[in-house]
Amino acid sequence: MKTVVVGILCFLVGIGLFYGWTKYTQLKEQNTQLQQAVTQISTIPTVTVESPTSIPTLMKLPPKAIQQKAKVEGTLGYPAEGIPPLLVYAINANDKTKYNFVETAQNVSTFQLEVDPGTYYFVAYPKGNSKLAGGYTKAVPCGLSVSCNDHSFILVTVKAGETNTEVQVKDWYAPDGTFPPKPN
């Protein structure tokens, strides 16, 4: 019986060794093939551009596509204890149909807008159906006192890539109809 058990064990060890040797030779062959593939990949020639004039003209963008925006950062005022939510408009002085606006939250006293370069006037309207309007006018630098009766807009010119921080939308004292109605 010992001879049979020893024989079976020898047989199993032999099968294990044969299986292991077979796998080892297969993996060794695969490793050799992978090393050859890596060697071929690393010998791919590189391409160099000889001069910038060889760049195709299709790569150039039209000037309008790369035009930068301008930024306006301003302050707000309101003739009451707090400031209601406002719609602050930058309206193009040369084309009233072109405008940008931002909505502010309750008691926010600053605003920021991105606009195309150009000349704008600034007007704000309380959110809702109010007919009240406020603007950045000549009455603001005058001090908004009773003697400051010039409520004409101060035009603001902004350039591409620049930020204007001088706008103060604080004149809410102009007679009815002085400021344009809120754009739709």
Protein backbone atom coordinates (compact mmCIF):
# COMPACT_ATOMS: atom_id res chain seq x y z
CA MET A 1 0.00 0.00 0.00
CA LYS A 2 2.91 2.33 0.74
CA THR A 3 4.22 1.70 -2.72
CA VAL A 4 0.89 2.73 -4.25
CA VAL A 5 0.72 5.93 -2.17
CA VAL A 6 4.34 6.79 -3.03
CA GLY A 7 3.61 6.08 -6.68
CA ILE A 8 0.53 8.34 -6.67
CA LEU A 9 2.48 11.12 -4.94
CA CYS A 10 5.33 10.84 -7.44
CA PHE A 11 2.80 10.91 -10.26
CA LEU A 12 1.13 14.06 -8.85
CA VAL A 13 4.47 15.79 -8.29
CA GLY A 14 5.46 14.93 -11.84
CA ILE A 15 2.23 16.36 -13.25
CA GLY A 16 2.74 19.52 -11.18
CA LEU A 17 6.30 19.92 -12.43
CA PHE A 18 5.22 19.34 -16.03
CA TYR A 19 2.37 21.86 -15.74
CA GLY A 20 4.65 24.44 -14.09
CA TRP A 21 7.39 24.00 -16.71
CA THR A 22 4.83 24.38 -19.53
CA LYS A 23 3.44 27.62 -18.03
CA TYR A 24 6.96 28.94 -17.44
CA THR A 25 7.97 28.45 -21.08
CA GLN A 26 4.71 30.06 -22.31
CA LEU A 27 5.23 33.13 -20.10
CA LYS A 28 8.87 33.39 -21.15
CA GLU A 29 7.79 33.42 -24.83
CA GLN A 30 5.12 36.09 -24.16
CA ASN A 31 7.67 38.23 -22.29
CA THR A 32 10.06 38.05 -25.25
CA GLN A 33 7.29 39.13 -27.64
CA LEU A 34 6.35 42.09 -25.40
CA GLN A 35 9.98 43.23 -25.19
CA GLN A 36 10.21 43.17 -29.00
CA ALA A 37 6.97 45.21 -29.28
CA VAL A 38 8.26 47.84 -26.82
CA THR A 39 11.52 48.09 -28.77
CA GLN A 40 9.56 48.70 -31.99
CA ILE A 41 7.37 51.38 -30.39
CA SER A 42 10.34 53.29 -28.98
CA THR A 43 11.93 53.51 -32.43
CA ILE A 44 9.03 55.42 -34.03
CA PRO A 45 10.48 58.50 -35.75
CA THR A 46 9.50 61.96 -34.45
CA VAL A 47 8.11 64.70 -36.68
CA THR A 48 9.40 68.26 -36.36
CA VAL A 49 7.96 71.47 -37.74
CA GLU A 50 10.60 73.41 -39.63
CA SER A 51 9.07 76.88 -39.46
CA PRO A 52 5.97 78.64 -38.10
CA THR A 53 4.89 79.50 -41.64
CA SER A 54 4.02 75.85 -42.20
CA ILE A 55 1.03 76.11 -39.81
CA PRO A 56 -2.16 75.89 -41.86
CA THR A 57 -4.23 79.06 -42.09
CA LEU A 58 -7.24 77.14 -40.79
CA MET A 59 -5.68 77.34 -37.32
CA LYS A 60 -6.02 81.14 -37.21
CA LEU A 61 -9.16 82.43 -35.50
CA PRO A 62 -11.06 85.42 -36.85
CA PRO A 63 -10.49 88.58 -34.77
CA LYS A 64 -14.10 88.71 -33.52
CA ALA A 65 -13.84 85.17 -32.08
CA ILE A 66 -10.99 86.16 -29.77
CA GLN A 67 -12.41 89.53 -28.66
CA GLN A 68 -12.18 89.87 -24.89
CA LYS A 69 -14.99 91.07 -22.68
CA ALA A 70 -14.75 94.07 -20.40
CA LYS A 71 -15.83 94.05 -16.77
CA VAL A 72 -17.73 96.60 -14.72
CA GLU A 73 -17.82 96.48 -10.94
CA GLY A 74 -19.99 99.08 -9.29
CA THR A 75 -21.82 100.16 -6.17
CA LEU A 76 -25.53 100.54 -5.55
CA GLY A 77 -27.62 102.85 -3.42
CA TYR A 78 -31.35 103.08 -2.73
CA PRO A 79 -33.51 105.72 -1.01
CA ALA A 80 -34.58 103.49 1.90
CA GLU A 81 -33.18 101.59 4.89
CA GLY A 82 -32.17 98.60 2.75
CA ILE A 83 -31.65 97.81 -0.90
CA PRO A 84 -34.28 95.62 -2.56
CA PRO A 85 -33.31 93.00 -5.15
CA LEU A 86 -32.39 94.99 -8.26
CA LEU A 87 -31.94 94.41 -11.97
CA VAL A 88 -28.86 96.42 -12.95
CA TYR A 89 -28.51 97.13 -16.67
CA ALA A 90 -25.55 98.25 -18.78
CA ILE A 91 -27.21 99.62 -21.92
CA ASN A 92 -25.12 100.33 -25.00
CA ALA A 93 -25.19 104.08 -25.62
CA ASN A 94 -25.00 103.63 -29.41
CA ASP A 95 -27.50 100.76 -29.75
CA LYS A 96 -30.20 100.63 -27.05
CA THR A 97 -31.14 97.08 -28.13
CA LYS A 98 -27.77 95.80 -26.85
CA TYR A 99 -27.55 95.46 -23.09
CA ASN A 100 -26.37 93.20 -20.31
CA PHE A 101 -27.88 92.93 -16.86
CA VAL A 102 -27.36 91.30 -13.51
CA GLU A 103 -29.83 90.56 -10.73
CA THR A 104 -28.74 91.38 -7.20
CA ALA A 105 -30.09 89.99 -3.93
CA GLN A 106 -31.68 91.84 -1.01
CA ASN A 107 -29.31 94.36 0.66
CA VAL A 108 -26.45 93.76 -1.79
CA SER A 109 -24.66 97.05 -2.45
CA THR A 110 -22.30 95.96 -5.26
CA PHE A 111 -22.62 94.42 -8.71
CA GLN A 112 -20.42 92.94 -11.42
CA LEU A 113 -21.13 92.71 -15.15
CA GLU A 114 -19.28 91.45 -18.21
CA VAL A 115 -19.93 93.44 -21.37
CA ASP A 116 -18.53 93.80 -24.85
CA PRO A 117 -16.12 96.72 -25.17
CA GLY A 118 -18.03 99.94 -25.81
CA THR A 119 -19.83 102.88 -24.21
CA TYR A 120 -22.68 102.27 -21.77
CA TYR A 121 -25.02 103.97 -19.37
CA PHE A 122 -26.19 102.24 -16.20
CA VAL A 123 -29.68 102.04 -14.81
CA ALA A 124 -31.29 99.82 -12.15
CA TYR A 125 -34.87 98.77 -11.51
CA PRO A 126 -36.30 97.10 -8.41
CA LYS A 127 -37.26 93.53 -9.20
CA GLY A 128 -41.00 93.34 -9.75
CA ASN A 129 -43.47 95.78 -11.27
CA SER A 130 -42.14 99.03 -9.78
CA LYS A 131 -41.86 102.02 -12.14
CA LEU A 132 -39.01 103.37 -10.02
CA ALA A 133 -35.56 103.53 -11.64
CA GLY A 134 -32.12 104.64 -10.53
CA GLY A 135 -29.08 105.54 -12.55
CA TYR A 136 -25.44 106.51 -12.66
CA THR A 137 -25.92 110.20 -13.39
CA LYS A 138 -24.18 113.56 -12.92
CA ALA A 139 -26.18 113.98 -9.69
CA VAL A 140 -24.11 111.19 -8.09
CA PRO A 141 -20.69 112.95 -8.07
CA CYS A 142 -22.55 116.18 -7.20
CA GLY A 143 -23.57 114.55 -3.90
CA LEU A 144 -27.27 113.75 -4.58
CA SER A 145 -28.34 116.89 -2.70
CA VAL A 146 -31.43 118.95 -3.57
CA SER A 147 -29.25 121.33 -5.60
CA CYS A 148 -27.98 118.45 -7.78
CA ASN A 149 -30.60 118.56 -10.51
CA ASP A 150 -28.65 117.22 -13.51
CA HIS A 151 -29.91 113.64 -13.87
CA SER A 152 -28.31 112.94 -17.24
CA PHE A 153 -26.40 109.68 -17.47
CA ILE A 154 -22.63 109.50 -17.11
CA LEU A 155 -21.43 107.48 -20.09
CA VAL A 156 -18.87 104.82 -19.28
CA THR A 157 -16.46 103.52 -21.91
CA VAL A 158 -14.98 100.09 -21.23
CA LYS A 159 -12.13 98.42 -23.10
CA ALA A 160 -11.44 94.75 -23.75
CA GLY A 161 -9.73 92.98 -20.88
CA GLU A 162 -10.13 95.94 -18.52
CA THR A 163 -12.27 96.40 -15.40
CA ASN A 164 -14.04 99.67 -14.61
CA THR A 165 -14.81 100.16 -10.91
CA GLU A 166 -16.18 103.73 -10.92
CA VAL A 167 -19.89 103.11 -11.64
CA GLN A 168 -22.25 104.17 -8.84
CA VAL A 169 -25.95 103.52 -9.50
CA LYS A 170 -27.36 105.75 -6.76
CA ASP A 171 -29.56 108.44 -8.36
CA TRP A 172 -33.18 107.49 -7.61
CA TYR A 173 -34.35 111.13 -7.45
CA ALA A 174 -34.84 111.98 -11.14
CA PRO A 175 -38.32 113.07 -12.24
CA ASP A 176 -40.60 110.36 -13.67
CA GLY A 177 -39.75 109.53 -17.28
CA THR A 178 -36.11 110.68 -17.04
CA PHE A 179 -34.78 107.14 -17.21
CA PRO A 180 -35.79 104.70 -19.95
CA PRO A 181 -38.25 101.91 -19.15
CA LYS A 182 -36.77 98.54 -18.22
CA PRO A 183 -35.70 96.61 -21.35
CA ASN A 184 -37.74 93.49 -22.07
